[in-house]
């Protein structure tokens, strides 16, 4: 954790850009009915039914101090796809950087070994040397609280602004009640009902 926080405290260095990388999958859908076109006084309307149309994997690459971000879409979630995303970072987006400071999680494919699955050994070694590797802590409530306390990063539900980042987000103060499945809201309603009953005896 301290390693990642130290990276985020560094001043901007164009020779060593800090790039955060993560990935996720998204379900693709298609409409089952033609949308109703917009007309004066009414927006376009879409039917709620849809058909599943496969899944796409998204690599999100974000250099907050450079004001740069990019999403790479792939069909699979595999080590080879990750390796090609790193090659794009190295040779396409930051070819002039002396070293790319890479911050990512501990997913099993997020490691230099993935480069050797995708490229011949000399090329894999070249690419591995292009990066300074840093890994975020394994997900836990304790580490998330400590990271958030430093005002830099939090969990996927809560990400505090990083200086220079064009994408500030903050935690929703009502998230806890939703995670509890509405129990806190039910308790509040029961409490109000009890007060009402005391005021209005039968």
N, C-alpha and C. Protein backbone atom coordinates (compact mmCIF):
# COMPACT_ATOMS: atom_id res chain seq x y z
N UNK A 1 0.82 -1.19 0.00
CA UNK A 1 0.00 0.00 0.00
C UNK A 1 0.86 1.25 0.00
N UNK A 2 1.91 1.26 0.88
CA UNK A 2 2.78 2.43 0.95
C UNK A 2 3.47 2.68 -0.39
N UNK A 3 3.76 1.59 -1.11
CA UNK A 3 4.42 1.73 -2.41
C UNK A 3 3.53 2.49 -3.39
N UNK A 4 2.24 2.14 -3.43
CA UNK A 4 1.33 2.82 -4.36
C UNK A 4 1.14 4.28 -3.95
N UNK A 5 1.00 4.54 -2.66
CA UNK A 5 0.84 5.91 -2.20
C UNK A 5 2.05 6.76 -2.54
N UNK A 6 3.23 6.17 -2.45
CA UNK A 6 4.44 6.90 -2.81
C UNK A 6 4.44 7.27 -4.28
N UNK A 7 3.95 6.37 -5.12
CA UNK A 7 3.87 6.65 -6.56
C UNK A 7 2.93 7.82 -6.81
N UNK A 8 1.77 7.83 -6.14
CA UNK A 8 0.81 8.90 -6.36
C UNK A 8 1.28 10.25 -5.83
N UNK A 9 2.27 10.26 -4.95
CA UNK A 9 2.79 11.52 -4.43
C UNK A 9 3.86 12.12 -5.33
N UNK A 10 4.32 11.39 -6.31
CA UNK A 10 5.39 11.90 -7.17
C UNK A 10 4.91 13.06 -8.03
N UNK A 11 5.77 14.03 -8.28
CA UNK A 11 5.39 15.10 -9.22
C UNK A 11 5.38 14.56 -10.65
N UNK A 12 4.72 15.26 -11.53
CA UNK A 12 4.64 14.83 -12.92
C UNK A 12 6.02 14.81 -13.56
N UNK A 13 6.31 13.72 -14.25
CA UNK A 13 7.56 13.56 -14.98
C UNK A 13 7.24 12.99 -16.35
N UNK A 14 7.29 13.80 -17.42
CA UNK A 14 6.95 13.29 -18.75
C UNK A 14 7.82 12.12 -19.20
N UNK A 15 9.00 12.00 -18.62
CA UNK A 15 9.87 10.88 -18.98
C UNK A 15 9.43 9.58 -18.30
N UNK A 16 8.65 9.70 -17.23
CA UNK A 16 8.19 8.53 -16.48
C UNK A 16 6.70 8.70 -16.15
N UNK A 17 5.84 8.66 -17.15
CA UNK A 17 4.41 8.87 -16.89
C UNK A 17 3.81 7.76 -16.02
N UNK A 18 2.92 8.15 -15.12
CA UNK A 18 2.20 7.20 -14.29
C UNK A 18 0.93 6.79 -15.01
N UNK A 19 0.77 5.50 -15.26
CA UNK A 19 -0.40 4.97 -15.97
C UNK A 19 -1.07 3.93 -15.09
N UNK A 20 -2.36 4.12 -14.83
CA UNK A 20 -3.16 3.16 -14.08
C UNK A 20 -3.92 2.29 -15.08
N UNK A 21 -3.92 0.99 -14.83
CA UNK A 21 -4.57 0.05 -15.75
C UNK A 21 -5.50 -0.86 -14.98
N UNK A 22 -6.69 -1.06 -15.52
CA UNK A 22 -7.63 -2.02 -14.96
C UNK A 22 -8.47 -2.55 -16.10
N UNK A 23 -9.23 -3.60 -15.83
CA UNK A 23 -10.08 -4.17 -16.87
C UNK A 23 -11.38 -4.65 -16.27
N UNK A 24 -12.39 -4.73 -17.13
CA UNK A 24 -13.70 -5.22 -16.73
C UNK A 24 -14.38 -5.82 -17.96
N UNK A 25 -15.46 -6.52 -17.73
CA UNK A 25 -16.23 -7.10 -18.84
C UNK A 25 -17.61 -6.46 -18.87
N UNK A 26 -18.15 -6.31 -20.06
CA UNK A 26 -19.46 -5.71 -20.25
C UNK A 26 -20.31 -6.59 -21.17
N UNK A 27 -21.56 -6.80 -20.77
CA UNK A 27 -22.48 -7.56 -21.61
C UNK A 27 -22.94 -6.71 -22.79
N UNK A 28 -22.94 -7.31 -23.97
CA UNK A 28 -23.42 -6.64 -25.17
C UNK A 28 -24.88 -7.04 -25.41
N UNK A 29 -25.71 -6.07 -25.80
CA UNK A 29 -27.12 -6.35 -26.04
C UNK A 29 -27.56 -5.77 -27.37
N UNK A 30 -28.66 -6.31 -27.89
CA UNK A 30 -29.26 -5.78 -29.11
C UNK A 30 -30.74 -5.53 -28.84
N UNK A 31 -31.30 -4.55 -29.52
CA UNK A 31 -32.72 -4.24 -29.38
C UNK A 31 -33.56 -5.33 -30.04
N UNK A 32 -34.69 -5.66 -29.39
CA UNK A 32 -35.62 -6.63 -29.99
C UNK A 32 -36.74 -5.93 -30.76
N UNK A 33 -36.94 -4.64 -30.49
CA UNK A 33 -37.94 -3.86 -31.20
C UNK A 33 -37.33 -2.53 -31.62
N UNK A 34 -37.82 -1.99 -32.72
CA UNK A 34 -37.33 -0.71 -33.19
C UNK A 34 -37.71 0.39 -32.21
N UNK A 35 -36.76 1.26 -31.82
CA UNK A 35 -37.11 2.38 -30.94
C UNK A 35 -38.15 3.29 -31.60
N UNK A 36 -38.98 3.90 -30.78
CA UNK A 36 -39.97 4.87 -31.27
C UNK A 36 -39.26 6.21 -31.43
N UNK A 37 -39.22 6.77 -32.63
CA UNK A 37 -38.46 8.01 -32.85
C UNK A 37 -38.96 9.16 -32.00
N UNK A 38 -38.07 10.09 -31.75
CA UNK A 38 -38.45 11.30 -31.02
C UNK A 38 -39.35 12.17 -31.88
N UNK A 39 -40.19 12.95 -31.22
CA UNK A 39 -41.00 13.93 -31.91
C UNK A 39 -41.19 15.13 -30.99
N UNK A 40 -41.70 16.23 -31.48
CA UNK A 40 -41.80 17.43 -30.63
C UNK A 40 -42.48 17.15 -29.30
N UNK A 41 -41.77 17.47 -28.22
CA UNK A 41 -42.31 17.28 -26.88
C UNK A 41 -42.13 15.90 -26.32
N UNK A 42 -41.47 14.99 -27.04
CA UNK A 42 -41.30 13.61 -26.56
C UNK A 42 -39.96 13.06 -27.03
N UNK A 43 -39.22 12.47 -26.10
CA UNK A 43 -37.91 11.89 -26.42
C UNK A 43 -38.08 10.55 -27.10
N UNK A 44 -37.00 10.08 -27.72
CA UNK A 44 -37.00 8.75 -28.31
C UNK A 44 -37.24 7.73 -27.20
N UNK A 45 -37.99 6.66 -27.51
CA UNK A 45 -38.32 5.66 -26.52
C UNK A 45 -37.82 4.29 -26.96
N UNK A 46 -37.26 3.56 -25.98
CA UNK A 46 -36.72 2.22 -26.24
C UNK A 46 -37.50 1.20 -25.41
N UNK A 47 -37.76 0.05 -26.00
CA UNK A 47 -38.42 -1.01 -25.26
C UNK A 47 -37.46 -1.61 -24.25
N UNK A 48 -37.99 -2.11 -23.12
CA UNK A 48 -37.13 -2.63 -22.07
C UNK A 48 -36.59 -4.02 -22.39
N UNK A 49 -37.16 -4.71 -23.36
CA UNK A 49 -36.68 -6.04 -23.71
C UNK A 49 -35.43 -5.95 -24.59
N UNK A 50 -34.56 -6.94 -24.44
CA UNK A 50 -33.33 -6.97 -25.23
C UNK A 50 -32.86 -8.42 -25.34
N UNK A 51 -31.92 -8.64 -26.23
CA UNK A 51 -31.28 -9.95 -26.38
C UNK A 51 -29.81 -9.82 -26.05
N UNK A 52 -29.28 -10.82 -25.37
CA UNK A 52 -27.85 -10.84 -25.08
C UNK A 52 -27.06 -11.11 -26.34
N UNK A 53 -25.95 -10.41 -26.46
CA UNK A 53 -25.17 -10.51 -27.70
C UNK A 53 -23.68 -10.66 -27.41
N UNK A 54 -23.37 -11.50 -26.40
CA UNK A 54 -21.98 -11.76 -26.07
C UNK A 54 -21.44 -10.79 -25.02
N UNK A 55 -20.16 -10.94 -24.72
CA UNK A 55 -19.48 -10.14 -23.71
C UNK A 55 -18.18 -9.59 -24.29
N UNK A 56 -17.88 -8.35 -23.99
CA UNK A 56 -16.62 -7.72 -24.41
C UNK A 56 -15.78 -7.39 -23.19
N UNK A 57 -14.48 -7.46 -23.34
CA UNK A 57 -13.55 -7.11 -22.27
C UNK A 57 -12.98 -5.71 -22.54
N UNK A 58 -12.90 -4.89 -21.50
CA UNK A 58 -12.42 -3.52 -21.63
C UNK A 58 -11.17 -3.33 -20.80
N UNK A 59 -10.09 -2.87 -21.43
CA UNK A 59 -8.89 -2.45 -20.72
C UNK A 59 -8.94 -0.93 -20.61
N UNK A 60 -8.99 -0.43 -19.38
CA UNK A 60 -8.99 1.01 -19.14
C UNK A 60 -7.59 1.44 -18.76
N UNK A 61 -7.02 2.36 -19.56
CA UNK A 61 -5.69 2.90 -19.30
C UNK A 61 -5.81 4.39 -19.05
N UNK A 62 -5.28 4.84 -17.92
CA UNK A 62 -5.51 6.20 -17.47
C UNK A 62 -4.22 6.79 -16.92
N UNK A 63 -3.76 7.88 -17.52
CA UNK A 63 -2.59 8.61 -17.04
C UNK A 63 -3.07 9.94 -16.49
N UNK A 64 -3.40 10.02 -15.19
CA UNK A 64 -4.06 11.22 -14.65
C UNK A 64 -3.23 12.49 -14.77
N UNK A 65 -1.93 12.40 -14.56
CA UNK A 65 -1.10 13.60 -14.61
C UNK A 65 -0.82 14.06 -16.04
N UNK A 66 -1.09 13.20 -17.01
CA UNK A 66 -0.92 13.55 -18.41
C UNK A 66 -2.23 13.99 -19.06
N UNK A 67 -3.35 13.84 -18.33
CA UNK A 67 -4.65 14.17 -18.91
C UNK A 67 -5.02 13.24 -20.05
N UNK A 68 -4.67 11.97 -19.93
CA UNK A 68 -4.86 11.02 -21.04
C UNK A 68 -5.56 9.76 -20.53
N UNK A 69 -6.45 9.21 -21.35
CA UNK A 69 -7.06 7.93 -21.06
C UNK A 69 -7.42 7.23 -22.36
N UNK A 70 -7.53 5.92 -22.27
CA UNK A 70 -7.85 5.13 -23.46
C UNK A 70 -8.50 3.83 -23.03
N UNK A 71 -9.48 3.37 -23.81
CA UNK A 71 -10.13 2.09 -23.56
C UNK A 71 -9.85 1.18 -24.74
N UNK A 72 -9.30 0.01 -24.45
CA UNK A 72 -9.03 -0.99 -25.48
C UNK A 72 -10.05 -2.12 -25.31
N UNK A 73 -10.79 -2.41 -26.36
CA UNK A 73 -11.85 -3.43 -26.32
C UNK A 73 -11.32 -4.70 -26.96
N UNK A 74 -11.48 -5.81 -26.24
CA UNK A 74 -11.04 -7.12 -26.75
C UNK A 74 -12.18 -8.12 -26.60
N UNK A 75 -12.08 -9.21 -27.35
CA UNK A 75 -13.09 -10.25 -27.27
C UNK A 75 -12.90 -11.15 -26.06
N UNK A 76 -11.65 -11.21 -25.56
CA UNK A 76 -11.36 -12.15 -24.48
C UNK A 76 -10.73 -11.45 -23.29
N UNK A 77 -10.65 -12.22 -22.21
CA UNK A 77 -10.03 -11.77 -20.98
C UNK A 77 -8.87 -12.73 -20.73
N UNK A 78 -7.75 -12.52 -21.42
CA UNK A 78 -6.66 -13.48 -21.38
C UNK A 78 -5.32 -12.77 -21.25
N UNK A 79 -4.30 -13.55 -20.89
CA UNK A 79 -2.96 -12.99 -20.71
C UNK A 79 -2.44 -12.36 -22.00
N UNK A 80 -2.75 -12.96 -23.14
CA UNK A 80 -2.26 -12.44 -24.41
C UNK A 80 -2.86 -11.07 -24.70
N UNK A 81 -4.14 -10.90 -24.40
CA UNK A 81 -4.78 -9.59 -24.60
C UNK A 81 -4.16 -8.53 -23.70
N UNK A 82 -3.88 -8.90 -22.46
CA UNK A 82 -3.21 -7.98 -21.54
C UNK A 82 -1.83 -7.61 -22.07
N UNK A 83 -1.12 -8.57 -22.59
CA UNK A 83 0.22 -8.31 -23.13
C UNK A 83 0.17 -7.32 -24.29
N UNK A 84 -0.80 -7.46 -25.15
CA UNK A 84 -0.92 -6.53 -26.28
C UNK A 84 -1.34 -5.14 -25.81
N UNK A 85 -2.11 -5.06 -24.73
CA UNK A 85 -2.45 -3.75 -24.16
C UNK A 85 -1.18 -3.05 -23.67
N UNK A 86 -0.29 -3.80 -23.04
CA UNK A 86 0.98 -3.21 -22.59
C UNK A 86 1.85 -2.79 -23.76
N UNK A 87 1.85 -3.57 -24.81
CA UNK A 87 2.64 -3.20 -26.00
C UNK A 87 2.11 -1.90 -26.60
N UNK A 88 0.78 -1.74 -26.62
CA UNK A 88 0.20 -0.48 -27.10
C UNK A 88 0.66 0.69 -26.24
N UNK A 89 0.65 0.51 -24.92
CA UNK A 89 1.11 1.57 -24.03
C UNK A 89 2.56 1.95 -24.33
N UNK A 90 3.38 0.93 -24.50
CA UNK A 90 4.81 1.16 -24.69
C UNK A 90 5.14 1.77 -26.04
N UNK A 91 4.62 1.20 -27.10
CA UNK A 91 5.09 1.55 -28.44
C UNK A 91 4.19 2.52 -29.19
N UNK A 92 2.93 2.63 -28.78
CA UNK A 92 2.00 3.50 -29.49
C UNK A 92 1.72 4.80 -28.74
N UNK A 93 1.40 4.68 -27.44
CA UNK A 93 0.94 5.85 -26.69
C UNK A 93 2.05 6.58 -25.94
N UNK A 94 3.08 5.86 -25.49
CA UNK A 94 4.18 6.50 -24.78
C UNK A 94 5.53 6.01 -25.29
N UNK A 95 5.76 6.12 -26.60
CA UNK A 95 7.02 5.57 -27.15
C UNK A 95 8.26 6.34 -26.72
N UNK A 96 8.11 7.60 -26.34
CA UNK A 96 9.27 8.42 -25.98
C UNK A 96 9.57 8.39 -24.49
N UNK A 97 8.76 7.71 -23.70
CA UNK A 97 8.99 7.66 -22.26
C UNK A 97 10.20 6.79 -21.95
N UNK A 98 11.01 7.23 -21.00
CA UNK A 98 12.15 6.42 -20.57
C UNK A 98 11.67 5.18 -19.84
N UNK A 99 10.61 5.31 -19.06
CA UNK A 99 10.02 4.21 -18.32
C UNK A 99 8.58 4.57 -18.01
N UNK A 100 7.68 3.61 -18.14
CA UNK A 100 6.27 3.83 -17.83
C UNK A 100 5.99 3.26 -16.45
N UNK A 101 5.51 4.12 -15.55
CA UNK A 101 5.20 3.69 -14.18
C UNK A 101 3.78 3.11 -14.19
N UNK A 102 3.70 1.81 -14.10
CA UNK A 102 2.42 1.09 -14.26
C UNK A 102 1.85 0.71 -12.90
N UNK A 103 0.62 1.16 -12.63
CA UNK A 103 -0.09 0.83 -11.39
C UNK A 103 -1.30 -0.01 -11.76
N UNK A 104 -1.41 -1.20 -11.15
CA UNK A 104 -2.49 -2.12 -11.48
C UNK A 104 -2.77 -3.04 -10.30
N UNK A 105 -3.84 -3.82 -10.41
CA UNK A 105 -4.15 -4.75 -9.32
C UNK A 105 -3.41 -6.06 -9.51
N UNK A 106 -3.70 -7.01 -8.60
CA UNK A 106 -2.97 -8.27 -8.58
C UNK A 106 -3.68 -9.39 -9.35
N UNK A 107 -4.41 -9.06 -10.38
CA UNK A 107 -5.05 -10.09 -11.20
C UNK A 107 -3.98 -11.05 -11.72
N UNK A 108 -4.33 -12.33 -11.82
CA UNK A 108 -3.31 -13.33 -12.15
C UNK A 108 -2.65 -13.11 -13.51
N UNK A 109 -3.32 -12.41 -14.43
CA UNK A 109 -2.69 -12.14 -15.73
C UNK A 109 -1.85 -10.87 -15.73
N UNK A 110 -1.97 -10.05 -14.69
CA UNK A 110 -1.26 -8.77 -14.64
C UNK A 110 0.16 -8.97 -14.12
N UNK A 111 1.00 -9.56 -14.95
CA UNK A 111 2.37 -9.85 -14.55
C UNK A 111 3.25 -9.95 -15.78
N UNK A 112 4.55 -9.75 -15.62
CA UNK A 112 5.45 -9.81 -16.78
C UNK A 112 5.39 -11.13 -17.52
N UNK A 113 5.06 -12.22 -16.82
CA UNK A 113 5.02 -13.53 -17.49
C UNK A 113 4.03 -13.55 -18.65
N UNK A 114 3.00 -12.72 -18.59
CA UNK A 114 2.02 -12.69 -19.68
C UNK A 114 2.66 -12.23 -20.99
N UNK A 115 3.67 -11.37 -20.89
CA UNK A 115 4.36 -10.92 -22.10
C UNK A 115 5.04 -12.07 -22.83
N UNK A 116 5.54 -13.05 -22.05
CA UNK A 116 6.23 -14.19 -22.65
C UNK A 116 5.25 -15.17 -23.29
N UNK A 117 3.98 -15.10 -22.89
CA UNK A 117 2.97 -15.93 -23.56
C UNK A 117 2.57 -15.35 -24.91
N UNK A 118 2.78 -14.05 -25.09
CA UNK A 118 2.31 -13.39 -26.30
C UNK A 118 3.41 -13.13 -27.31
N UNK A 119 4.65 -12.95 -26.85
CA UNK A 119 5.74 -12.52 -27.73
C UNK A 119 6.98 -13.40 -27.55
N UNK A 120 7.86 -13.42 -28.55
CA UNK A 120 9.14 -14.12 -28.36
C UNK A 120 9.91 -13.53 -27.18
N UNK A 121 10.78 -14.31 -26.61
CA UNK A 121 11.48 -13.91 -25.38
C UNK A 121 12.19 -12.56 -25.49
N UNK A 122 12.93 -12.27 -26.57
CA UNK A 122 13.60 -10.96 -26.62
C UNK A 122 12.62 -9.79 -26.60
N UNK A 123 11.50 -9.91 -27.33
CA UNK A 123 10.51 -8.84 -27.34
C UNK A 123 9.82 -8.73 -25.98
N UNK A 124 9.50 -9.87 -25.38
CA UNK A 124 8.87 -9.85 -24.06
C UNK A 124 9.79 -9.18 -23.04
N UNK A 125 11.07 -9.48 -23.11
CA UNK A 125 12.02 -8.87 -22.19
C UNK A 125 12.12 -7.36 -22.41
N UNK A 126 12.13 -6.95 -23.67
CA UNK A 126 12.17 -5.52 -23.98
C UNK A 126 10.97 -4.80 -23.39
N UNK A 127 9.79 -5.38 -23.56
CA UNK A 127 8.58 -4.74 -23.05
C UNK A 127 8.56 -4.73 -21.52
N UNK A 128 8.99 -5.81 -20.90
CA UNK A 128 9.00 -5.86 -19.44
C UNK A 128 9.89 -4.77 -18.86
N UNK A 129 10.99 -4.48 -19.55
CA UNK A 129 11.92 -3.46 -19.07
C UNK A 129 11.38 -2.04 -19.31
N UNK A 130 10.35 -1.91 -20.11
CA UNK A 130 9.77 -0.59 -20.39
C UNK A 130 8.91 -0.09 -19.23
N UNK A 131 8.57 -1.00 -18.30
CA UNK A 131 7.64 -0.65 -17.23
C UNK A 131 8.30 -0.73 -15.86
N UNK A 132 7.83 0.16 -14.99
CA UNK A 132 8.12 0.09 -13.56
C UNK A 132 6.86 -0.43 -12.91
N UNK A 133 6.91 -1.63 -12.36
CA UNK A 133 5.71 -2.36 -11.96
C UNK A 133 5.32 -2.04 -10.52
N UNK A 134 4.05 -1.66 -10.32
CA UNK A 134 3.51 -1.42 -8.99
C UNK A 134 2.12 -2.06 -8.91
N UNK A 135 1.82 -2.67 -7.76
CA UNK A 135 0.56 -3.39 -7.59
C UNK A 135 -0.20 -2.86 -6.39
N UNK A 136 -1.51 -2.65 -6.57
CA UNK A 136 -2.36 -2.22 -5.47
C UNK A 136 -2.55 -3.37 -4.50
N UNK A 137 -2.89 -3.07 -3.24
CA UNK A 137 -3.09 -4.15 -2.26
C UNK A 137 -4.28 -5.01 -2.63
N UNK A 138 -4.29 -6.22 -2.10
CA UNK A 138 -5.47 -7.07 -2.25
C UNK A 138 -6.65 -6.39 -1.57
N UNK A 139 -7.83 -6.57 -2.15
CA UNK A 139 -9.02 -5.89 -1.64
C UNK A 139 -9.32 -6.29 -0.21
N UNK A 140 -9.48 -5.31 0.64
CA UNK A 140 -9.90 -5.55 2.02
C UNK A 140 -10.45 -4.26 2.57
N UNK A 141 -11.32 -4.34 3.56
CA UNK A 141 -11.89 -3.14 4.14
C UNK A 141 -10.83 -2.31 4.82
N UNK A 142 -9.87 -2.97 5.49
CA UNK A 142 -8.84 -2.23 6.21
C UNK A 142 -7.97 -1.43 5.26
N UNK A 143 -7.50 -2.09 4.19
CA UNK A 143 -6.62 -1.39 3.26
C UNK A 143 -7.38 -0.30 2.52
N UNK A 144 -8.67 -0.53 2.21
CA UNK A 144 -9.46 0.49 1.52
C UNK A 144 -9.62 1.72 2.38
N UNK A 145 -9.87 1.51 3.69
CA UNK A 145 -10.02 2.65 4.59
C UNK A 145 -8.71 3.43 4.69
N UNK A 146 -7.59 2.72 4.76
CA UNK A 146 -6.31 3.41 4.90
C UNK A 146 -5.97 4.19 3.63
N UNK A 147 -6.26 3.60 2.47
CA UNK A 147 -6.01 4.29 1.22
C UNK A 147 -6.89 5.53 1.10
N UNK A 148 -8.18 5.39 1.42
CA UNK A 148 -9.09 6.53 1.32
C UNK A 148 -8.69 7.63 2.29
N UNK A 149 -8.15 7.25 3.46
CA UNK A 149 -7.74 8.24 4.45
C UNK A 149 -6.63 9.12 3.92
N UNK A 150 -5.79 8.58 3.05
CA UNK A 150 -4.72 9.36 2.46
C UNK A 150 -5.21 10.24 1.32
N UNK A 151 -6.49 10.13 0.97
CA UNK A 151 -7.08 11.02 -0.02
C UNK A 151 -6.61 10.78 -1.44
N UNK A 152 -6.20 9.55 -1.75
CA UNK A 152 -5.70 9.28 -3.09
C UNK A 152 -6.59 8.27 -3.81
N UNK A 153 -6.71 7.08 -3.27
CA UNK A 153 -7.50 6.06 -3.93
C UNK A 153 -8.35 5.35 -2.92
N UNK A 154 -9.43 4.70 -3.43
CA UNK A 154 -10.29 3.92 -2.55
C UNK A 154 -10.70 2.65 -3.25
N UNK A 155 -11.87 2.15 -2.91
CA UNK A 155 -12.36 0.95 -3.56
C UNK A 155 -12.96 1.30 -4.91
N UNK A 156 -13.46 0.30 -5.64
CA UNK A 156 -14.09 0.58 -6.93
C UNK A 156 -15.37 1.37 -6.76
N UNK A 157 -15.99 1.30 -5.57
CA UNK A 157 -17.18 2.10 -5.33
C UNK A 157 -16.82 3.52 -4.96
N UNK A 158 -15.58 3.75 -4.48
CA UNK A 158 -15.21 5.07 -3.99
C UNK A 158 -13.81 5.41 -4.44
N UNK A 159 -13.65 6.43 -5.27
CA UNK A 159 -12.34 6.86 -5.74
C UNK A 159 -12.25 8.36 -5.57
N UNK A 160 -11.43 8.82 -4.62
CA UNK A 160 -11.26 10.23 -4.38
C UNK A 160 -10.44 10.85 -5.49
N UNK A 161 -10.58 12.16 -5.74
CA UNK A 161 -9.87 12.79 -6.84
C UNK A 161 -8.37 12.73 -6.66
N UNK A 162 -7.66 12.48 -7.76
CA UNK A 162 -6.21 12.55 -7.79
C UNK A 162 -5.83 13.85 -8.47
N UNK A 163 -4.88 14.62 -7.92
CA UNK A 163 -4.51 15.89 -8.56
C UNK A 163 -4.19 15.70 -10.03
N UNK A 164 -4.81 16.52 -10.88
CA UNK A 164 -4.60 16.43 -12.32
C UNK A 164 -5.55 15.51 -13.02
N UNK A 165 -6.38 14.76 -12.26
CA UNK A 165 -7.29 13.81 -12.87
C UNK A 165 -8.54 14.52 -13.37
N UNK A 166 -8.96 14.27 -14.63
CA UNK A 166 -10.19 14.88 -15.14
C UNK A 166 -11.44 14.11 -14.75
N UNK A 167 -11.28 13.01 -13.97
CA UNK A 167 -12.42 12.16 -13.66
C UNK A 167 -12.58 12.00 -12.15
N UNK A 168 -12.86 13.08 -11.40
CA UNK A 168 -13.04 12.91 -9.96
C UNK A 168 -14.35 12.20 -9.65
N UNK A 169 -14.28 11.29 -8.65
CA UNK A 169 -15.50 10.65 -8.17
C UNK A 169 -15.44 10.62 -6.65
N UNK A 170 -16.57 10.43 -6.01
CA UNK A 170 -16.59 10.33 -4.57
C UNK A 170 -17.62 9.31 -4.14
N UNK A 171 -17.48 8.88 -2.89
CA UNK A 171 -18.36 7.83 -2.39
C UNK A 171 -19.77 8.35 -2.22
N UNK A 172 -20.74 7.47 -2.38
CA UNK A 172 -22.13 7.79 -2.11
C UNK A 172 -22.38 7.54 -0.63
N UNK A 173 -22.77 8.57 0.15
CA UNK A 173 -22.95 8.35 1.59
C UNK A 173 -24.05 7.38 1.93
N UNK A 174 -24.92 7.05 0.96
CA UNK A 174 -26.01 6.12 1.22
C UNK A 174 -25.68 4.70 0.77
N UNK A 175 -24.42 4.45 0.37
CA UNK A 175 -24.06 3.14 -0.17
C UNK A 175 -24.24 2.05 0.87
N UNK A 176 -23.92 2.34 2.13
CA UNK A 176 -23.99 1.31 3.16
C UNK A 176 -25.39 0.77 3.32
N UNK A 177 -26.37 1.67 3.28
CA UNK A 177 -27.75 1.22 3.42
C UNK A 177 -28.17 0.31 2.29
N UNK A 178 -27.68 0.60 1.06
CA UNK A 178 -28.05 -0.25 -0.08
C UNK A 178 -27.35 -1.60 0.02
N UNK A 179 -26.09 -1.63 0.49
CA UNK A 179 -25.38 -2.90 0.60
C UNK A 179 -26.05 -3.80 1.63
N UNK A 180 -26.70 -3.20 2.64
CA UNK A 180 -27.35 -3.99 3.67
C UNK A 180 -28.70 -4.51 3.21
N UNK A 181 -29.01 -4.33 1.92
CA UNK A 181 -30.26 -4.85 1.38
C UNK A 181 -31.49 -4.12 1.89
N UNK A 182 -31.32 -2.84 2.26
CA UNK A 182 -32.46 -2.05 2.70
C UNK A 182 -32.81 -2.22 4.17
N UNK A 183 -31.97 -2.98 4.94
CA UNK A 183 -32.30 -3.20 6.34
C UNK A 183 -32.33 -1.90 7.13
N UNK A 184 -31.40 -1.00 6.82
CA UNK A 184 -31.38 0.26 7.55
C UNK A 184 -32.62 1.09 7.25
N UNK A 185 -33.11 1.03 6.00
CA UNK A 185 -34.32 1.76 5.65
C UNK A 185 -35.54 1.16 6.34
N UNK A 186 -35.60 -0.18 6.42
CA UNK A 186 -36.72 -0.83 7.10
C UNK A 186 -36.72 -0.49 8.58
N UNK A 187 -35.52 -0.48 9.19
CA UNK A 187 -35.44 -0.15 10.61
C UNK A 187 -35.93 1.26 10.86
N UNK A 188 -35.60 2.19 9.93
CA UNK A 188 -36.05 3.57 10.08
C UNK A 188 -37.57 3.66 10.00
N UNK A 189 -38.18 2.93 9.06
CA UNK A 189 -39.65 2.95 8.93
C UNK A 189 -40.32 2.36 10.17
N UNK A 190 -39.74 1.25 10.71
CA UNK A 190 -40.31 0.65 11.90
C UNK A 190 -40.24 1.59 13.09
N UNK A 191 -39.12 2.33 13.18
CA UNK A 191 -38.98 3.29 14.27
C UNK A 191 -40.03 4.39 14.17
N UNK A 192 -40.26 4.91 12.95
CA UNK A 192 -41.27 5.95 12.78
C UNK A 192 -42.67 5.42 13.11
N UNK A 193 -42.93 4.16 12.75
CA UNK A 193 -44.24 3.56 13.03
C UNK A 193 -44.45 3.42 14.53
N UNK A 194 -43.38 3.02 15.27
CA UNK A 194 -43.50 2.87 16.72
C UNK A 194 -43.81 4.21 17.37
N UNK A 195 -43.16 5.27 16.91
CA UNK A 195 -43.42 6.61 17.45
C UNK A 195 -44.86 7.02 17.18
N UNK A 196 -45.34 6.75 15.96
CA UNK A 196 -46.71 7.08 15.59
C UNK A 196 -47.71 6.35 16.49
N UNK A 197 -47.43 5.06 16.78
CA UNK A 197 -48.35 4.28 17.61
C UNK A 197 -48.40 4.81 19.04
N UNK A 198 -47.25 5.27 19.54
CA UNK A 198 -47.23 5.81 20.90
C UNK A 198 -48.04 7.12 20.98
N UNK A 199 -47.94 7.89 19.89
CA UNK A 199 -48.68 9.17 19.89
C UNK A 199 -50.17 8.97 19.69
N UNK A 200 -50.54 7.89 19.03
CA UNK A 200 -51.96 7.66 18.71
C UNK A 200 -52.39 6.33 19.31
N UNK A 201 -52.59 6.24 20.63
CA UNK A 201 -53.00 4.96 21.24
C UNK A 201 -54.41 4.58 20.80
N UNK A 202 -54.64 3.29 20.64
CA UNK A 202 -55.96 2.79 20.20
C UNK A 202 -56.87 2.59 21.38
